[in-house]
Full PDB file with SEQRES, HELIX, SHEET, SSBOND, CRYST1, ORIGX, SCALE, CONECT and MASTER records, all heavy atoms in Angstrom:
SEQRES   1 A   41  MET THR ALA ALA LEU THR ALA ALA PHE ALA ILE ASN ILE          
SEQRES   2 A   41  ILE GLU THR VAL VAL LEU ALA TRP VAL GLU SER ARG GLY          
SEQRES   3 A   41  GLN ALA ASP MET HIS THR LEU ALA ASN HIS ALA MET THR          
SEQRES   4 A   41  LEU LEU                                                      
HELIX    1 AA1 THR A    2  GLU A   23  1                                  22    
HELIX    2 AA2 MET A   30  LEU A   40  1                                  11    
CRYST1    1.000    1.000    1.000  90.00  90.00  90.00 P 1           1          
ORIGX1      1.000000  0.000000  0.000000        0.00000                         
ORIGX2      0.000000  1.000000  0.000000        0.00000                         
ORIGX3      0.000000  0.000000  1.000000        0.00000                         
SCALE1      1.000000  0.000000  0.000000        0.00000                         
SCALE2      0.000000  1.000000  0.000000        0.00000                         
SCALE3      0.000000  0.000000  1.000000        0.00000                         
ATOM      1  N   MET A   1       0.765  -1.139   0.029  1.00  0.00           N  
ATOM      2  CA  MET A   1       0.022   0.010  -0.008  1.00  0.00           C  
ATOM      3  C   MET A   1       0.883   1.241  -0.073  1.00  0.00           C  
ATOM      4  O   MET A   1       0.510   2.285  -0.702  1.00  0.00           O  
ATOM      5  CB  MET A   1      -0.922  -0.005   1.219  1.00  0.00           C  
ATOM      6  CG  MET A   1      -1.941   1.200   1.243  1.00  0.00           C  
ATOM      7  SD  MET A   1      -3.189   1.089   2.544  1.00  0.00           S  
ATOM      8  CE  MET A   1      -4.164  -0.286   1.978  1.00  0.00           C  
ATOM      9  N   THR A   2       1.944   1.216   0.677  1.00  0.00           N  
ATOM     10  CA  THR A   2       2.884   2.414   0.778  1.00  0.00           C  
ATOM     11  C   THR A   2       3.451   2.661  -0.628  1.00  0.00           C  
ATOM     12  O   THR A   2       3.456   3.818  -1.067  1.00  0.00           O  
ATOM     13  CB  THR A   2       4.022   2.182   1.736  1.00  0.00           C  
ATOM     14  OG1 THR A   2       3.501   2.076   3.108  1.00  0.00           O  
ATOM     15  CG2 THR A   2       4.986   3.395   1.778  1.00  0.00           C  
ATOM     16  N   ALA A   3       3.922   1.643  -1.312  1.00  0.00           N  
ATOM     17  CA  ALA A   3       4.482   1.725  -2.605  1.00  0.00           C  
ATOM     18  C   ALA A   3       3.399   2.191  -3.618  1.00  0.00           C  
ATOM     19  O   ALA A   3       3.636   3.059  -4.454  1.00  0.00           O  
ATOM     20  CB  ALA A   3       5.044   0.372  -3.067  1.00  0.00           C  
ATOM     21  N   ALA A   4       2.187   1.669  -3.456  1.00  0.00           N  
ATOM     22  CA  ALA A   4       1.096   2.075  -4.414  1.00  0.00           C  
ATOM     23  C   ALA A   4       0.715   3.469  -4.235  1.00  0.00           C  
ATOM     24  O   ALA A   4       0.440   4.210  -5.187  1.00  0.00           O  
ATOM     25  CB  ALA A   4      -0.152   1.173  -4.144  1.00  0.00           C  
ATOM     26  N   LEU A   5       0.676   4.023  -2.968  1.00  0.00           N  
ATOM     27  CA  LEU A   5       0.338   5.365  -2.713  1.00  0.00           C  
ATOM     28  C   LEU A   5       1.371   6.360  -3.174  1.00  0.00           C  
ATOM     29  O   LEU A   5       1.118   7.366  -3.724  1.00  0.00           O  
ATOM     30  CB  LEU A   5       0.024   5.647  -1.221  1.00  0.00           C  
ATOM     31  CG  LEU A   5      -1.295   5.153  -0.679  1.00  0.00           C  
ATOM     32  CD1 LEU A   5      -1.292   5.170   0.823  1.00  0.00           C  
ATOM     33  CD2 LEU A   5      -2.467   5.870  -1.296  1.00  0.00           C  
ATOM     34  N   THR A   6       2.701   5.935  -3.085  1.00  0.00           N  
ATOM     35  CA  THR A   6       3.773   6.679  -3.629  1.00  0.00           C  
ATOM     36  C   THR A   6       3.661   6.876  -5.099  1.00  0.00           C  
ATOM     37  O   THR A   6       3.812   7.984  -5.614  1.00  0.00           O  
ATOM     38  CB  THR A   6       5.083   6.015  -3.179  1.00  0.00           C  
ATOM     39  OG1 THR A   6       5.202   5.884  -1.825  1.00  0.00           O  
ATOM     40  CG2 THR A   6       6.274   6.854  -3.752  1.00  0.00           C  
ATOM     41  N   ALA A   7       3.434   5.768  -5.767  1.00  0.00           N  
ATOM     42  CA  ALA A   7       3.260   5.801  -7.237  1.00  0.00           C  
ATOM     43  C   ALA A   7       2.095   6.590  -7.618  1.00  0.00           C  
ATOM     44  O   ALA A   7       2.038   7.346  -8.651  1.00  0.00           O  
ATOM     45  CB  ALA A   7       3.203   4.406  -7.831  1.00  0.00           C  
ATOM     46  N   ALA A   8       0.961   6.496  -6.816  1.00  0.00           N  
ATOM     47  CA  ALA A   8      -0.261   7.287  -7.169  1.00  0.00           C  
ATOM     48  C   ALA A   8       0.045   8.790  -7.058  1.00  0.00           C  
ATOM     49  O   ALA A   8      -0.497   9.540  -7.869  1.00  0.00           O  
ATOM     50  CB  ALA A   8      -1.353   6.857  -6.231  1.00  0.00           C  
ATOM     51  N   PHE A   9       0.800   9.184  -6.040  1.00  0.00           N  
ATOM     52  CA  PHE A   9       1.116  10.607  -5.924  1.00  0.00           C  
ATOM     53  C   PHE A   9       1.882  11.006  -7.210  1.00  0.00           C  
ATOM     54  O   PHE A   9       1.543  12.098  -7.720  1.00  0.00           O  
ATOM     55  CB  PHE A   9       2.029  10.837  -4.647  1.00  0.00           C  
ATOM     56  CG  PHE A   9       1.227  11.191  -3.433  1.00  0.00           C  
ATOM     57  CD1 PHE A   9       1.463  10.373  -2.285  1.00  0.00           C  
ATOM     58  CD2 PHE A   9       0.285  12.204  -3.374  1.00  0.00           C  
ATOM     59  CE1 PHE A   9       0.747  10.676  -1.109  1.00  0.00           C  
ATOM     60  CE2 PHE A   9      -0.382  12.370  -2.240  1.00  0.00           C  
ATOM     61  CZ  PHE A   9      -0.150  11.685  -1.055  1.00  0.00           C  
ATOM     62  N   ALA A  10       2.875  10.268  -7.583  1.00  0.00           N  
ATOM     63  CA  ALA A  10       3.672  10.673  -8.779  1.00  0.00           C  
ATOM     64  C   ALA A  10       2.769  10.809 -10.054  1.00  0.00           C  
ATOM     65  O   ALA A  10       2.882  11.856 -10.754  1.00  0.00           O  
ATOM     66  CB  ALA A  10       4.804   9.670  -8.975  1.00  0.00           C  
ATOM     67  N   ILE A  11       1.946   9.802 -10.350  1.00  0.00           N  
ATOM     68  CA  ILE A  11       1.205   9.850 -11.608  1.00  0.00           C  
ATOM     69  C   ILE A  11       0.114  10.919 -11.520  1.00  0.00           C  
ATOM     70  O   ILE A  11      -0.129  11.579 -12.515  1.00  0.00           O  
ATOM     71  CB  ILE A  11       0.620   8.486 -11.977  1.00  0.00           C  
ATOM     72  CG1 ILE A  11       0.100   8.426 -13.403  1.00  0.00           C  
ATOM     73  CG2 ILE A  11      -0.413   8.037 -10.953  1.00  0.00           C  
ATOM     74  CD1 ILE A  11       1.156   8.810 -14.474  1.00  0.00           C  
ATOM     75  N   ASN A  12      -0.397  11.161 -10.360  1.00  0.00           N  
ATOM     76  CA  ASN A  12      -1.480  12.181 -10.187  1.00  0.00           C  
ATOM     77  C   ASN A  12      -0.889  13.548 -10.375  1.00  0.00           C  
ATOM     78  O   ASN A  12      -1.511  14.456 -10.948  1.00  0.00           O  
ATOM     79  CB  ASN A  12      -2.117  12.080  -8.851  1.00  0.00           C  
ATOM     80  CG  ASN A  12      -3.157  10.909  -8.855  1.00  0.00           C  
ATOM     81  OD1 ASN A  12      -3.662  10.512  -9.915  1.00  0.00           O  
ATOM     82  ND2 ASN A  12      -3.424  10.414  -7.722  1.00  0.00           N  
ATOM     83  N   ILE A  13       0.343  13.800  -9.881  1.00  0.00           N  
ATOM     84  CA  ILE A  13       1.074  15.104 -10.110  1.00  0.00           C  
ATOM     85  C   ILE A  13       1.193  15.243 -11.634  1.00  0.00           C  
ATOM     86  O   ILE A  13       0.929  16.321 -12.154  1.00  0.00           O  
ATOM     87  CB  ILE A  13       2.400  15.156  -9.416  1.00  0.00           C  
ATOM     88  CG1 ILE A  13       2.137  15.210  -7.924  1.00  0.00           C  
ATOM     89  CG2 ILE A  13       3.165  16.258  -9.897  1.00  0.00           C  
ATOM     90  CD1 ILE A  13       3.444  15.048  -7.078  1.00  0.00           C  
ATOM     91  N   ILE A  14       1.750  14.261 -12.314  1.00  0.00           N  
ATOM     92  CA  ILE A  14       1.952  14.357 -13.769  1.00  0.00           C  
ATOM     93  C   ILE A  14       0.638  14.700 -14.474  1.00  0.00           C  
ATOM     94  O   ILE A  14       0.570  15.597 -15.338  1.00  0.00           O  
ATOM     95  CB  ILE A  14       2.732  13.161 -14.311  1.00  0.00           C  
ATOM     96  CG1 ILE A  14       4.083  12.970 -13.739  1.00  0.00           C  
ATOM     97  CG2 ILE A  14       2.685  13.137 -15.816  1.00  0.00           C  
ATOM     98  CD1 ILE A  14       4.740  11.707 -14.059  1.00  0.00           C  
ATOM     99  N   GLU A  15      -0.376  13.874 -14.165  1.00  0.00           N  
ATOM    100  CA  GLU A  15      -1.644  14.043 -14.888  1.00  0.00           C  
ATOM    101  C   GLU A  15      -2.282  15.328 -14.615  1.00  0.00           C  
ATOM    102  O   GLU A  15      -2.754  16.038 -15.532  1.00  0.00           O  
ATOM    103  CB  GLU A  15      -2.541  12.905 -14.522  1.00  0.00           C  
ATOM    104  CG  GLU A  15      -3.783  12.700 -15.445  1.00  0.00           C  
ATOM    105  CD  GLU A  15      -4.583  11.492 -15.253  1.00  0.00           C  
ATOM    106  OE1 GLU A  15      -4.343  10.819 -14.250  1.00  0.00           O  
ATOM    107  OE2 GLU A  15      -5.337  11.162 -16.094  1.00  0.00           O  
ATOM    108  N   THR A  16      -2.305  15.739 -13.335  1.00  0.00           N  
ATOM    109  CA  THR A  16      -2.868  17.069 -12.990  1.00  0.00           C  
ATOM    110  C   THR A  16      -2.121  18.230 -13.665  1.00  0.00           C  
ATOM    111  O   THR A  16      -2.808  19.145 -14.102  1.00  0.00           O  
ATOM    112  CB  THR A  16      -2.859  17.224 -11.449  1.00  0.00           C  
ATOM    113  OG1 THR A  16      -3.613  16.109 -10.896  1.00  0.00           O  
ATOM    114  CG2 THR A  16      -3.505  18.519 -11.083  1.00  0.00           C  
ATOM    115  N   VAL A  17      -0.819  18.148 -13.709  1.00  0.00           N  
ATOM    116  CA  VAL A  17      -0.006  19.170 -14.300  1.00  0.00           C  
ATOM    117  C   VAL A  17      -0.314  19.245 -15.762  1.00  0.00           C  
ATOM    118  O   VAL A  17      -0.519  20.422 -16.327  1.00  0.00           O  
ATOM    119  CB  VAL A  17       1.460  19.015 -13.995  1.00  0.00           C  
ATOM    120  CG1 VAL A  17       2.303  19.885 -14.988  1.00  0.00           C  
ATOM    121  CG2 VAL A  17       1.881  19.297 -12.570  1.00  0.00           C  
ATOM    122  N   VAL A  18      -0.322  18.123 -16.453  1.00  0.00           N  
ATOM    123  CA  VAL A  18      -0.515  18.146 -17.902  1.00  0.00           C  
ATOM    124  C   VAL A  18      -1.913  18.650 -18.249  1.00  0.00           C  
ATOM    125  O   VAL A  18      -2.114  19.457 -19.202  1.00  0.00           O  
ATOM    126  CB  VAL A  18      -0.267  16.692 -18.537  1.00  0.00           C  
ATOM    127  CG1 VAL A  18      -0.620  16.735 -19.967  1.00  0.00           C  
ATOM    128  CG2 VAL A  18       1.176  16.377 -18.366  1.00  0.00           C  
ATOM    129  N   LEU A  19      -2.901  18.241 -17.486  1.00  0.00           N  
ATOM    130  CA  LEU A  19      -4.309  18.664 -17.755  1.00  0.00           C  
ATOM    131  C   LEU A  19      -4.450  20.167 -17.496  1.00  0.00           C  
ATOM    132  O   LEU A  19      -5.102  20.920 -18.268  1.00  0.00           O  
ATOM    133  CB  LEU A  19      -5.288  17.930 -16.849  1.00  0.00           C  
ATOM    134  CG  LEU A  19      -5.491  16.482 -17.194  1.00  0.00           C  
ATOM    135  CD1 LEU A  19      -6.364  15.785 -16.159  1.00  0.00           C  
ATOM    136  CD2 LEU A  19      -6.158  16.373 -18.589  1.00  0.00           C  
ATOM    137  N   ALA A  20      -3.773  20.717 -16.478  1.00  0.00           N  
ATOM    138  CA  ALA A  20      -3.786  22.167 -16.225  1.00  0.00           C  
ATOM    139  C   ALA A  20      -3.074  22.887 -17.366  1.00  0.00           C  
ATOM    140  O   ALA A  20      -3.520  23.984 -17.736  1.00  0.00           O  
ATOM    141  CB  ALA A  20      -3.055  22.452 -14.860  1.00  0.00           C  
ATOM    142  N   TRP A  21      -1.969  22.340 -17.851  1.00  0.00           N  
ATOM    143  CA  TRP A  21      -1.311  22.955 -18.990  1.00  0.00           C  
ATOM    144  C   TRP A  21      -2.170  22.890 -20.263  1.00  0.00           C  
ATOM    145  O   TRP A  21      -2.235  23.966 -20.996  1.00  0.00           O  
ATOM    146  CB  TRP A  21      -0.001  22.207 -19.224  1.00  0.00           C  
ATOM    147  CG  TRP A  21       0.838  22.593 -20.424  1.00  0.00           C  
ATOM    148  CD1 TRP A  21       1.687  23.623 -20.507  1.00  0.00           C  
ATOM    149  CD2 TRP A  21       0.733  22.004 -21.747  1.00  0.00           C  
ATOM    150  NE1 TRP A  21       2.181  23.726 -21.777  1.00  0.00           N  
ATOM    151  CE2 TRP A  21       1.592  22.753 -22.547  1.00  0.00           C  
ATOM    152  CE3 TRP A  21      -0.018  20.951 -22.293  1.00  0.00           C  
ATOM    153  CZ2 TRP A  21       1.807  22.416 -23.867  1.00  0.00           C  
ATOM    154  CZ3 TRP A  21       0.207  20.690 -23.643  1.00  0.00           C  
ATOM    155  CH2 TRP A  21       1.152  21.457 -24.432  1.00  0.00           C  
ATOM    156  N   VAL A  22      -2.902  21.887 -20.438  1.00  0.00           N  
ATOM    157  CA  VAL A  22      -3.774  21.750 -21.631  1.00  0.00           C  
ATOM    158  C   VAL A  22      -4.845  22.832 -21.482  1.00  0.00           C  
ATOM    159  O   VAL A  22      -5.230  23.545 -22.470  1.00  0.00           O  
ATOM    160  CB  VAL A  22      -4.338  20.316 -21.770  1.00  0.00           C  
ATOM    161  CG1 VAL A  22      -5.476  20.341 -22.740  1.00  0.00           C  
ATOM    162  CG2 VAL A  22      -3.265  19.338 -22.134  1.00  0.00           C  
ATOM    163  N   GLU A  23      -5.434  22.992 -20.289  1.00  0.00           N  
ATOM    164  CA  GLU A  23      -6.463  23.924 -20.076  1.00  0.00           C  
ATOM    165  C   GLU A  23      -5.996  25.376 -20.345  1.00  0.00           C  
ATOM    166  O   GLU A  23      -6.756  26.287 -20.703  1.00  0.00           O  
ATOM    167  CB  GLU A  23      -7.026  23.818 -18.635  1.00  0.00           C  
ATOM    168  CG  GLU A  23      -7.847  22.549 -18.375  1.00  0.00           C  
ATOM    169  CD  GLU A  23      -8.257  22.382 -16.999  1.00  0.00           C  
ATOM    170  OE1 GLU A  23      -7.920  23.186 -16.215  1.00  0.00           O  
ATOM    171  OE2 GLU A  23      -8.978  21.379 -16.729  1.00  0.00           O  
ATOM    172  N   SER A  24      -4.672  25.552 -20.120  1.00  0.00           N  
ATOM    173  CA  SER A  24      -4.119  26.920 -20.294  1.00  0.00           C  
ATOM    174  C   SER A  24      -3.741  27.149 -21.790  1.00  0.00           C  
ATOM    175  O   SER A  24      -3.250  28.170 -22.110  1.00  0.00           O  
ATOM    176  CB  SER A  24      -2.871  27.105 -19.497  1.00  0.00           C  
ATOM    177  OG  SER A  24      -1.758  26.410 -20.014  1.00  0.00           O  
ATOM    178  N   ARG A  25      -4.090  26.166 -22.614  1.00  0.00           N  
ATOM    179  CA  ARG A  25      -3.761  26.190 -24.097  1.00  0.00           C  
ATOM    180  C   ARG A  25      -2.230  26.290 -24.252  1.00  0.00           C  
ATOM    181  O   ARG A  25      -1.772  26.841 -25.240  1.00  0.00           O  
ATOM    182  CB  ARG A  25      -4.442  27.339 -24.769  1.00  0.00           C  
ATOM    183  CG  ARG A  25      -5.984  27.421 -24.558  1.00  0.00           C  
ATOM    184  CD  ARG A  25      -6.623  26.090 -25.081  1.00  0.00           C  
ATOM    185  NE  ARG A  25      -6.344  25.759 -26.440  1.00  0.00           N  
ATOM    186  CZ  ARG A  25      -6.661  24.586 -27.038  1.00  0.00           C  
ATOM    187  NH1 ARG A  25      -7.081  23.604 -26.390  1.00  0.00           N  
ATOM    188  NH2 ARG A  25      -6.301  24.417 -28.335  1.00  0.00           N  
ATOM    189  N   GLY A  26      -1.481  25.635 -23.354  1.00  0.00           N  
ATOM    190  CA  GLY A  26      -0.062  25.637 -23.568  1.00  0.00           C  
ATOM    191  C   GLY A  26       0.644  26.899 -23.002  1.00  0.00           C  
ATOM    192  O   GLY A  26       1.895  27.005 -23.234  1.00  0.00           O  
ATOM    193  N   GLN A  27      -0.060  27.753 -22.419  1.00  0.00           N  
ATOM    194  CA  GLN A  27       0.485  29.060 -21.959  1.00  0.00           C  
ATOM    195  C   GLN A  27       1.224  28.855 -20.649  1.00  0.00           C  
ATOM    196  O   GLN A  27       2.235  29.542 -20.430  1.00  0.00           O  
ATOM    197  CB  GLN A  27      -0.526  30.167 -21.823  1.00  0.00           C  
ATOM    198  CG  GLN A  27      -1.235  30.518 -23.136  1.00  0.00           C  
ATOM    199  CD  GLN A  27      -0.241  30.955 -24.222  1.00  0.00           C  
ATOM    200  OE1 GLN A  27       0.574  31.925 -23.969  1.00  0.00           O  
ATOM    201  NE2 GLN A  27      -0.270  30.364 -25.404  1.00  0.00           N  
ATOM    202  N   ALA A  28       0.833  27.971 -19.820  1.00  0.00           N  
ATOM    203  CA  ALA A  28       1.448  27.803 -18.517  1.00  0.00           C  
ATOM    204  C   ALA A  28       2.778  27.009 -18.742  1.00  0.00           C  
ATOM    205  O   ALA A  28       2.936  26.284 -19.698  1.00  0.00           O  
ATOM    206  CB  ALA A  28       0.535  27.066 -17.575  1.00  0.00           C  
ATOM    207  N   ASP A  29       3.617  27.016 -17.746  1.00  0.00           N  
ATOM    208  CA  ASP A  29       4.917  26.271 -17.766  1.00  0.00           C  
ATOM    209  C   ASP A  29       4.687  24.990 -16.878  1.00  0.00           C  
ATOM    210  O   ASP A  29       4.350  25.027 -15.788  1.00  0.00           O  
ATOM    211  CB  ASP A  29       6.061  27.167 -17.132  1.00  0.00           C  
ATOM    212  CG  ASP A  29       7.344  26.345 -17.109  1.00  0.00           C  
ATOM    213  OD1 ASP A  29       7.940  26.180 -18.183  1.00  0.00           O  
ATOM    214  OD2 ASP A  29       7.733  25.887 -16.049  1.00  0.00           O  
ATOM    215  N   MET A  30       4.985  23.801 -17.578  1.00  0.00           N  
ATOM    216  CA  MET A  30       4.734  22.573 -16.858  1.00  0.00           C  
ATOM    217  C   MET A  30       5.538  22.487 -15.584  1.00  0.00           C  
ATOM    218  O   MET A  30       5.056  21.952 -14.571  1.00  0.00           O  
ATOM    219  CB  MET A  30       5.123  21.382 -17.749  1.00  0.00           C  
ATOM    220  CG  MET A  30       4.101  21.200 -18.942  1.00  0.00           C  
ATOM    221  SD  MET A  30       4.443  19.611 -19.740  1.00  0.00           S  
ATOM    222  CE  MET A  30       3.309  19.701 -21.151  1.00  0.00           C  
ATOM    223  N   HIS A  31       6.773  22.874 -15.605  1.00  0.00           N  
ATOM    224  CA  HIS A  31       7.653  22.705 -14.440  1.00  0.00           C  
ATOM    225  C   HIS A  31       7.162  23.673 -13.257  1.00  0.00           C  
ATOM    226  O   HIS A  31       7.212  23.278 -12.074  1.00  0.00           O  
ATOM    227  CB  HIS A  31       9.058  23.020 -14.761  1.00  0.00           C  
ATOM    228  CG  HIS A  31       9.657  21.925 -15.690  1.00  0.00           C  
ATOM    229  ND1 HIS A  31       9.994  20.749 -15.195  1.00  0.00           N  
ATOM    230  CD2 HIS A  31       9.930  21.998 -16.983  1.00  0.00           C  
ATOM    231  CE1 HIS A  31      10.517  20.041 -16.244  1.00  0.00           C  
ATOM    232  NE2 HIS A  31      10.391  20.747 -17.329  1.00  0.00           N  
ATOM    233  N   THR A  32       6.652  24.787 -13.567  1.00  0.00           N  
ATOM    234  CA  THR A  32       6.138  25.743 -12.607  1.00  0.00           C  
ATOM    235  C   THR A  32       4.902  25.126 -11.962  1.00  0.00           C  
ATOM    236  O   THR A  32       4.699  25.116 -10.738  1.00  0.00           O  
ATOM    237  CB  THR A  32       5.807  27.088 -13.185  1.00  0.00           C  
ATOM    238  OG1 THR A  32       7.006  27.675 -13.774  1.00  0.00           O  
ATOM    239  CG2 THR A  32       5.190  28.040 -12.221  1.00  0.00           C  
ATOM    240  N   LEU A  33       3.996  24.566 -12.794  1.00  0.00           N  
ATOM    241  CA  LEU A  33       2.839  23.917 -12.306  1.00  0.00           C  
ATOM    242  C   LEU A  33       3.208  22.727 -11.509  1.00  0.00           C  
ATOM    243  O   LEU A  33       2.546  22.474 -10.350  1.00  0.00           O  
ATOM    244  CB  LEU A  33       2.028  23.379 -13.517  1.00  0.00           C  
ATOM    245  CG  LEU A  33       1.274  24.491 -14.344  1.00  0.00           C  
ATOM    246  CD1 LEU A  33       0.706  23.823 -15.650  1.00  0.00           C  
ATOM    247  CD2 LEU A  33       0.209  25.149 -13.595  1.00  0.00           C  
ATOM    248  N   ALA A  34       4.177  21.933 -11.872  1.00  0.00           N  
ATOM    249  CA  ALA A  34       4.649  20.778 -11.058  1.00  0.00           C  
ATOM    250  C   ALA A  34       5.122  21.246  -9.678  1.00  0.00           C  
ATOM    251  O   ALA A  34       4.853  20.618  -8.655  1.00  0.00           O  
ATOM    252  CB  ALA A  34       5.678  20.017 -11.782  1.00  0.00           C  
ATOM    253  N   ASN A  35       5.929  22.298  -9.673  1.00  0.00           N  
ATOM    254  CA  ASN A  35       6.510  22.809  -8.404  1.00  0.00           C  
ATOM    255  C   ASN A  35       5.345  23.226  -7.481  1.00  0.00           C  
ATOM    256  O   ASN A  35       5.417  22.978  -6.237  1.00  0.00           O  
ATOM    257  CB  ASN A  35       7.488  23.903  -8.633  1.00  0.00           C  
ATOM    258  CG  ASN A  35       8.750  23.427  -9.226  1.00  0.00           C  
ATOM    259  OD1 ASN A  35       9.141  22.227  -9.034  1.00  0.00           O  
ATOM    260  ND2 ASN A  35       9.448  24.237  -9.978  1.00  0.00           N  
ATOM    261  N   HIS A  36       4.369  23.884  -8.026  1.00  0.00           N  
ATOM    262  CA  HIS A  36       3.212  24.345  -7.288  1.00  0.00           C  
ATOM    263  C   HIS A  36       2.498  23.146  -6.669  1.00  0.00           C  
ATOM    264  O   HIS A  36       2.145  23.169  -5.575  1.00  0.00           O  
ATOM    265  CB  HIS A  36       2.293  25.216  -8.062  1.00  0.00           C  
ATOM    266  CG  HIS A  36       1.118  25.690  -7.343  1.00  0.00           C  
ATOM    267  ND1 HIS A  36       1.166  26.494  -6.234  1.00  0.00           N  
ATOM    268  CD2 HIS A  36      -0.218  25.577  -7.642  1.00  0.00           C  
ATOM    269  CE1 HIS A  36      -0.067  26.778  -5.826  1.00  0.00           C  
ATOM    270  NE2 HIS A  36      -0.919  26.217  -6.691  1.00  0.00           N  
ATOM    271  N   ALA A  37       2.242  22.221  -7.487  1.00  0.00           N  
ATOM    272  CA  ALA A  37       1.511  20.914  -6.996  1.00  0.00           C  
ATOM    273  C   ALA A  37       2.232  20.250  -5.870  1.00  0.00           C  
ATOM    274  O   ALA A  37       1.648  19.871  -4.871  1.00  0.00           O  
ATOM    275  CB  ALA A  37       1.314  19.928  -8.250  1.00  0.00           C  
ATOM    276  N   MET A  38       3.559  20.157  -5.987  1.00  0.00           N  
ATOM    277  CA  MET A  38       4.339  19.414  -4.968  1.00  0.00           C  
ATOM    278  C   MET A  38       4.435  20.327  -3.711  1.00  0.00           C  
ATOM    279  O   MET A  38       4.447  19.777  -2.592  1.00  0.00           O  
ATOM    280  CB  MET A  38       5.665  19.081  -5.442  1.00  0.00           C  
ATOM    281  CG  MET A  38       5.631  17.871  -6.462  1.00  0.00           C  
ATOM    282  SD  MET A  38       7.246  17.207  -6.982  1.00  0.00           S  
ATOM    283  CE  MET A  38       7.593  18.332  -8.375  1.00  0.00           C  
ATOM    284  N   THR A  39       4.459  21.524  -3.810  1.00  0.00           N  
ATOM    285  CA  THR A  39       4.436  22.482  -2.671  1.00  0.00           C  
ATOM    286  C   THR A  39       3.122  22.307  -1.914  1.00  0.00           C  
ATOM    287  O   THR A  39       3.131  22.322  -0.674  1.00  0.00           O  
ATOM    288  CB  THR A  39       4.631  23.950  -3.084  1.00  0.00           C  
ATOM    289  OG1 THR A  39       5.890  24.107  -3.733  1.00  0.00           O  
ATOM    290  CG2 THR A  39       4.576  24.890  -1.900  1.00  0.00           C  
ATOM    291  N   LEU A  40       2.010  22.213  -2.623  1.00  0.00           N  
ATOM    292  CA  LEU A  40       0.738  22.036  -2.006  1.00  0.00           C  
ATOM    293  C   LEU A  40       0.739  20.703  -1.194  1.00  0.00           C  
ATOM    294  O   LEU A  40       0.237  20.614  -0.032  1.00  0.00           O  
ATOM    295  CB  LEU A  40      -0.410  21.979  -3.004  1.00  0.00           C  
ATOM    296  CG  LEU A  40      -0.755  23.358  -3.695  1.00  0.00           C  
ATOM    297  CD1 LEU A  40      -1.749  23.083  -4.800  1.00  0.00           C  
ATOM    298  CD2 LEU A  40      -1.248  24.318  -2.730  1.00  0.00           C  
ATOM    299  N   LEU A  41       1.349  19.673  -1.759  1.00  0.00           N  
ATOM    300  CA  LEU A  41       1.344  18.419  -1.034  1.00  0.00           C  
ATOM    301  C   LEU A  41       2.257  18.419   0.186  1.00  0.00           C  
ATOM    302  O   LEU A  41       1.973  17.921   1.287  1.00  0.00           O  
ATOM    303  CB  LEU A  41       1.854  17.282  -1.998  1.00  0.00           C  
ATOM    304  CG  LEU A  41       0.863  16.890  -3.074  1.00  0.00           C  
ATOM    305  CD1 LEU A  41       1.550  15.975  -4.098  1.00  0.00           C  
ATOM    306  CD2 LEU A  41      -0.247  16.045  -2.476  1.00  0.00           C  
TER     307      LEU A  41                                                      
MASTER        0    0    0    2    0    0    0    6  306    1    0    4          
END                                                                             
C-alpha cells in the first residue's frame, strides 16, 4: 500500500499538471505547475 500510494502521488502530479497545462492552451509552464503541485502536497 505504501508503494502504491507513492506511485499514485507521482502519476497524479503528472496528470494534474498536464491537464492544467492543456487547459491553459499551452501558456502555462509545466515545471512551474509541477512545483506548485508538490508544494501544496
